[in-house]
């Protein structure tokens, strides 16, 4: 977790937010692990689709960081009914 927090802080996250996001990223679904590790190591952003939503479109539409979009995709995988309803209402 400390490593993820440090990377997030180097990329502009305030410390408290970096800690919270790092904790959430540690529990990310297996389907998203490769995309997360790629971004952590190289800052390359992998795009993919879950439940009809593309990561890149969520990121752009809601002005999300890549980690925030990954966590939204994780939510779509784990709780699709709630996540879809919230996204369609315009989450931020």
N, C-alpha and C. Protein backbone atom coordinates (compact mmCIF):
# COMPACT_ATOMS: atom_id res chain seq x y z
N UNK A 1 0.82 -1.19 0.00
CA UNK A 1 0.00 0.00 0.00
C UNK A 1 0.86 1.25 0.00
N UNK A 2 1.92 1.22 0.73
CA UNK A 2 2.81 2.38 0.83
C UNK A 2 3.36 2.77 -0.54
N UNK A 3 3.71 1.77 -1.34
CA UNK A 3 4.23 2.01 -2.68
C UNK A 3 3.18 2.70 -3.56
N UNK A 4 1.95 2.21 -3.51
CA UNK A 4 0.88 2.81 -4.31
C UNK A 4 0.62 4.24 -3.84
N UNK A 5 0.58 4.44 -2.53
CA UNK A 5 0.37 5.79 -1.98
C UNK A 5 1.46 6.74 -2.47
N UNK A 6 2.71 6.31 -2.43
CA UNK A 6 3.82 7.15 -2.87
C UNK A 6 3.70 7.51 -4.35
N UNK A 7 3.32 6.54 -5.17
CA UNK A 7 3.15 6.80 -6.60
C UNK A 7 2.02 7.81 -6.82
N UNK A 8 0.91 7.62 -6.12
CA UNK A 8 -0.21 8.55 -6.26
C UNK A 8 0.20 9.97 -5.84
N UNK A 9 0.95 10.08 -4.76
CA UNK A 9 1.40 11.40 -4.31
C UNK A 9 2.34 12.04 -5.32
N UNK A 10 3.23 11.26 -5.91
CA UNK A 10 4.14 11.79 -6.94
C UNK A 10 3.36 12.27 -8.16
N UNK A 11 2.16 11.71 -8.36
CA UNK A 11 1.34 12.07 -9.52
C UNK A 11 0.25 13.08 -9.16
N UNK A 12 0.40 13.72 -8.01
CA UNK A 12 -0.45 14.86 -7.69
C UNK A 12 -1.54 14.68 -6.66
N UNK A 13 -1.67 13.49 -6.10
CA UNK A 13 -2.70 13.27 -5.08
C UNK A 13 -2.22 13.83 -3.74
N UNK A 14 -3.11 14.54 -3.02
CA UNK A 14 -2.77 14.91 -1.63
C UNK A 14 -2.63 13.64 -0.79
N UNK A 15 -1.87 13.70 0.28
CA UNK A 15 -1.55 12.50 1.06
C UNK A 15 -2.79 11.75 1.56
N UNK A 16 -3.76 12.45 2.15
CA UNK A 16 -4.95 11.76 2.68
C UNK A 16 -5.72 11.06 1.57
N UNK A 17 -5.86 11.72 0.43
CA UNK A 17 -6.57 11.11 -0.70
C UNK A 17 -5.77 9.93 -1.25
N UNK A 18 -4.46 10.07 -1.30
CA UNK A 18 -3.60 8.99 -1.80
C UNK A 18 -3.75 7.74 -0.92
N UNK A 19 -3.84 7.93 0.38
CA UNK A 19 -4.00 6.79 1.29
C UNK A 19 -5.34 6.09 1.03
N UNK A 20 -6.40 6.86 0.94
CA UNK A 20 -7.74 6.30 0.70
C UNK A 20 -7.80 5.56 -0.63
N UNK A 21 -7.28 6.18 -1.68
CA UNK A 21 -7.31 5.56 -3.01
C UNK A 21 -6.43 4.31 -3.03
N UNK A 22 -5.27 4.37 -2.40
CA UNK A 22 -4.37 3.21 -2.36
C UNK A 22 -5.05 2.02 -1.69
N UNK A 23 -5.75 2.27 -0.58
CA UNK A 23 -6.47 1.20 0.11
C UNK A 23 -7.52 0.58 -0.81
N UNK A 24 -8.27 1.45 -1.52
CA UNK A 24 -9.30 0.94 -2.44
C UNK A 24 -8.68 0.16 -3.60
N UNK A 25 -7.55 0.64 -4.11
CA UNK A 25 -6.90 -0.03 -5.24
C UNK A 25 -6.35 -1.41 -4.85
N UNK A 26 -6.00 -1.59 -3.59
CA UNK A 26 -5.51 -2.89 -3.13
C UNK A 26 -6.57 -3.98 -3.25
N UNK A 27 -7.83 -3.57 -3.24
CA UNK A 27 -8.94 -4.53 -3.28
C UNK A 27 -9.61 -4.59 -4.66
N UNK A 28 -8.93 -4.08 -5.68
CA UNK A 28 -9.52 -4.00 -7.02
C UNK A 28 -9.67 -5.41 -7.61
N UNK A 29 -10.71 -5.60 -8.40
CA UNK A 29 -11.01 -6.90 -9.00
C UNK A 29 -9.84 -7.42 -9.84
N UNK A 30 -9.69 -8.73 -9.87
CA UNK A 30 -8.60 -9.36 -10.62
C UNK A 30 -8.57 -8.95 -12.09
N UNK A 31 -9.74 -8.71 -12.68
CA UNK A 31 -9.81 -8.31 -14.09
C UNK A 31 -9.10 -6.97 -14.35
N UNK A 32 -8.93 -6.18 -13.30
CA UNK A 32 -8.36 -4.85 -13.45
C UNK A 32 -6.91 -4.77 -12.98
N UNK A 33 -6.41 -5.84 -12.43
CA UNK A 33 -5.05 -5.83 -11.86
C UNK A 33 -3.97 -5.45 -12.87
N UNK A 34 -4.03 -6.03 -14.08
CA UNK A 34 -3.00 -5.73 -15.08
C UNK A 34 -3.02 -4.26 -15.47
N UNK A 35 -4.21 -3.70 -15.65
CA UNK A 35 -4.33 -2.28 -16.01
C UNK A 35 -3.77 -1.41 -14.90
N UNK A 36 -4.06 -1.75 -13.65
CA UNK A 36 -3.54 -0.98 -12.52
C UNK A 36 -2.03 -1.05 -12.46
N UNK A 37 -1.48 -2.25 -12.56
CA UNK A 37 -0.02 -2.40 -12.47
C UNK A 37 0.69 -1.69 -13.62
N UNK A 38 0.12 -1.76 -14.80
CA UNK A 38 0.70 -1.06 -15.95
C UNK A 38 0.74 0.44 -15.68
N UNK A 39 -0.36 0.99 -15.17
CA UNK A 39 -0.42 2.42 -14.90
C UNK A 39 0.57 2.80 -13.78
N UNK A 40 0.64 1.98 -12.74
CA UNK A 40 1.56 2.28 -11.64
C UNK A 40 3.01 2.28 -12.10
N UNK A 41 3.36 1.36 -12.99
CA UNK A 41 4.74 1.23 -13.43
C UNK A 41 5.11 2.22 -14.53
N UNK A 42 4.19 2.48 -15.47
CA UNK A 42 4.57 3.25 -16.66
C UNK A 42 3.68 4.46 -16.95
N UNK A 43 2.59 4.60 -16.21
CA UNK A 43 1.56 5.61 -16.44
C UNK A 43 0.76 5.37 -17.72
N UNK A 44 0.96 4.22 -18.37
CA UNK A 44 0.16 3.87 -19.55
C UNK A 44 -1.24 3.49 -19.10
N UNK A 45 -2.22 4.02 -19.80
CA UNK A 45 -3.62 3.77 -19.46
C UNK A 45 -4.24 2.77 -20.42
N UNK A 46 -4.69 1.66 -19.88
CA UNK A 46 -5.36 0.62 -20.65
C UNK A 46 -6.85 0.95 -20.69
N UNK A 47 -7.45 0.79 -21.86
CA UNK A 47 -8.88 1.05 -21.97
C UNK A 47 -9.62 -0.27 -22.14
N UNK A 48 -10.77 -0.39 -21.52
CA UNK A 48 -11.59 -1.58 -21.66
C UNK A 48 -13.01 -1.24 -21.29
N UNK A 49 -13.89 -2.21 -21.44
CA UNK A 49 -15.32 -1.98 -21.26
C UNK A 49 -15.89 -2.96 -20.24
N UNK A 50 -16.76 -2.45 -19.38
CA UNK A 50 -17.48 -3.27 -18.40
C UNK A 50 -18.93 -2.80 -18.40
N UNK A 51 -19.86 -3.73 -18.52
CA UNK A 51 -21.30 -3.42 -18.47
C UNK A 51 -21.69 -2.30 -19.45
N UNK A 52 -21.01 -2.25 -20.60
CA UNK A 52 -21.34 -1.26 -21.61
C UNK A 52 -20.68 0.09 -21.42
N UNK A 53 -19.87 0.25 -20.40
CA UNK A 53 -19.17 1.51 -20.14
C UNK A 53 -17.68 1.34 -20.43
N UNK A 54 -17.12 2.27 -21.23
CA UNK A 54 -15.69 2.26 -21.50
C UNK A 54 -14.98 3.11 -20.45
N UNK A 55 -13.86 2.63 -19.99
CA UNK A 55 -13.08 3.36 -18.99
C UNK A 55 -12.74 4.76 -19.50
N UNK A 56 -12.28 4.86 -20.73
CA UNK A 56 -11.87 6.17 -21.27
C UNK A 56 -13.04 7.14 -21.34
N UNK A 57 -14.23 6.64 -21.64
CA UNK A 57 -15.41 7.51 -21.71
C UNK A 57 -15.81 8.00 -20.32
N UNK A 58 -15.77 7.13 -19.33
CA UNK A 58 -16.07 7.55 -17.96
C UNK A 58 -15.07 8.61 -17.50
N UNK A 59 -13.82 8.34 -17.79
CA UNK A 59 -12.75 9.26 -17.39
C UNK A 59 -12.98 10.64 -17.98
N UNK A 60 -13.31 10.68 -19.25
CA UNK A 60 -13.52 11.96 -19.93
C UNK A 60 -14.83 12.63 -19.49
N UNK A 61 -15.91 11.86 -19.49
CA UNK A 61 -17.23 12.42 -19.18
C UNK A 61 -17.31 13.00 -17.77
N UNK A 62 -16.68 12.32 -16.81
CA UNK A 62 -16.77 12.75 -15.41
C UNK A 62 -15.47 13.39 -14.91
N UNK A 63 -14.55 13.67 -15.82
CA UNK A 63 -13.28 14.30 -15.48
C UNK A 63 -12.58 13.56 -14.34
N UNK A 64 -12.45 12.24 -14.51
CA UNK A 64 -11.84 11.37 -13.50
C UNK A 64 -10.36 11.17 -13.78
N UNK A 65 -9.62 10.90 -12.72
CA UNK A 65 -8.26 10.42 -12.90
C UNK A 65 -8.35 8.95 -13.32
N UNK A 66 -7.25 8.41 -13.81
CA UNK A 66 -7.25 6.99 -14.21
C UNK A 66 -7.58 6.08 -13.02
N UNK A 67 -6.96 6.30 -11.83
CA UNK A 67 -7.33 5.44 -10.70
C UNK A 67 -8.81 5.54 -10.33
N UNK A 68 -9.39 6.73 -10.40
CA UNK A 68 -10.82 6.88 -10.10
C UNK A 68 -11.67 6.11 -11.11
N UNK A 69 -11.29 6.17 -12.37
CA UNK A 69 -12.02 5.43 -13.40
C UNK A 69 -11.86 3.92 -13.19
N UNK A 70 -10.68 3.48 -12.80
CA UNK A 70 -10.48 2.06 -12.49
C UNK A 70 -11.37 1.63 -11.34
N UNK A 71 -11.47 2.45 -10.32
CA UNK A 71 -12.32 2.11 -9.18
C UNK A 71 -13.80 2.11 -9.57
N UNK A 72 -14.19 2.96 -10.51
CA UNK A 72 -15.55 2.94 -11.01
C UNK A 72 -15.81 1.65 -11.78
N UNK A 73 -14.85 1.22 -12.58
CA UNK A 73 -14.98 -0.04 -13.30
C UNK A 73 -15.06 -1.21 -12.31
N UNK A 74 -14.30 -1.13 -11.24
CA UNK A 74 -14.35 -2.14 -10.19
C UNK A 74 -15.75 -2.20 -9.58
N UNK A 75 -16.35 -1.04 -9.35
CA UNK A 75 -17.70 -0.96 -8.82
C UNK A 75 -18.70 -1.58 -9.80
N UNK A 76 -18.50 -1.30 -11.10
CA UNK A 76 -19.37 -1.89 -12.12
C UNK A 76 -19.29 -3.42 -12.12
N UNK A 77 -18.13 -3.95 -11.85
CA UNK A 77 -17.95 -5.41 -11.80
C UNK A 77 -18.62 -5.98 -10.55
N UNK A 78 -18.41 -5.31 -9.42
CA UNK A 78 -18.86 -5.86 -8.13
C UNK A 78 -20.33 -5.57 -7.80
N UNK A 79 -20.83 -4.43 -8.22
CA UNK A 79 -22.21 -4.04 -7.93
C UNK A 79 -22.85 -3.38 -9.14
N UNK A 80 -23.01 -4.13 -10.23
CA UNK A 80 -23.44 -3.52 -11.49
C UNK A 80 -24.76 -2.75 -11.41
N UNK A 81 -25.76 -3.27 -10.72
CA UNK A 81 -27.06 -2.57 -10.68
C UNK A 81 -26.94 -1.18 -10.05
N UNK A 82 -26.26 -1.10 -8.92
CA UNK A 82 -26.10 0.18 -8.23
C UNK A 82 -25.20 1.13 -9.01
N UNK A 83 -24.11 0.59 -9.54
CA UNK A 83 -23.16 1.43 -10.27
C UNK A 83 -23.77 2.00 -11.54
N UNK A 84 -24.47 1.16 -12.29
CA UNK A 84 -25.09 1.62 -13.55
C UNK A 84 -26.10 2.72 -13.25
N UNK A 85 -26.93 2.50 -12.26
CA UNK A 85 -27.94 3.51 -11.89
C UNK A 85 -27.27 4.84 -11.52
N UNK A 86 -26.24 4.77 -10.73
CA UNK A 86 -25.55 5.98 -10.30
C UNK A 86 -24.83 6.68 -11.46
N UNK A 87 -24.17 5.92 -12.31
CA UNK A 87 -23.48 6.50 -13.47
C UNK A 87 -24.48 7.17 -14.39
N UNK A 88 -25.60 6.51 -14.62
CA UNK A 88 -26.62 7.09 -15.51
C UNK A 88 -27.23 8.37 -14.93
N UNK A 89 -27.16 8.52 -13.62
CA UNK A 89 -27.64 9.76 -12.99
C UNK A 89 -26.59 10.85 -13.03
N UNK A 90 -25.36 10.50 -13.37
CA UNK A 90 -24.31 11.51 -13.50
C UNK A 90 -23.38 11.63 -12.33
N UNK A 91 -22.88 10.50 -11.80
CA UNK A 91 -21.95 10.54 -10.67
C UNK A 91 -20.74 11.38 -11.01
N UNK A 92 -20.08 11.84 -10.00
CA UNK A 92 -18.81 12.58 -10.14
C UNK A 92 -17.81 11.98 -9.23
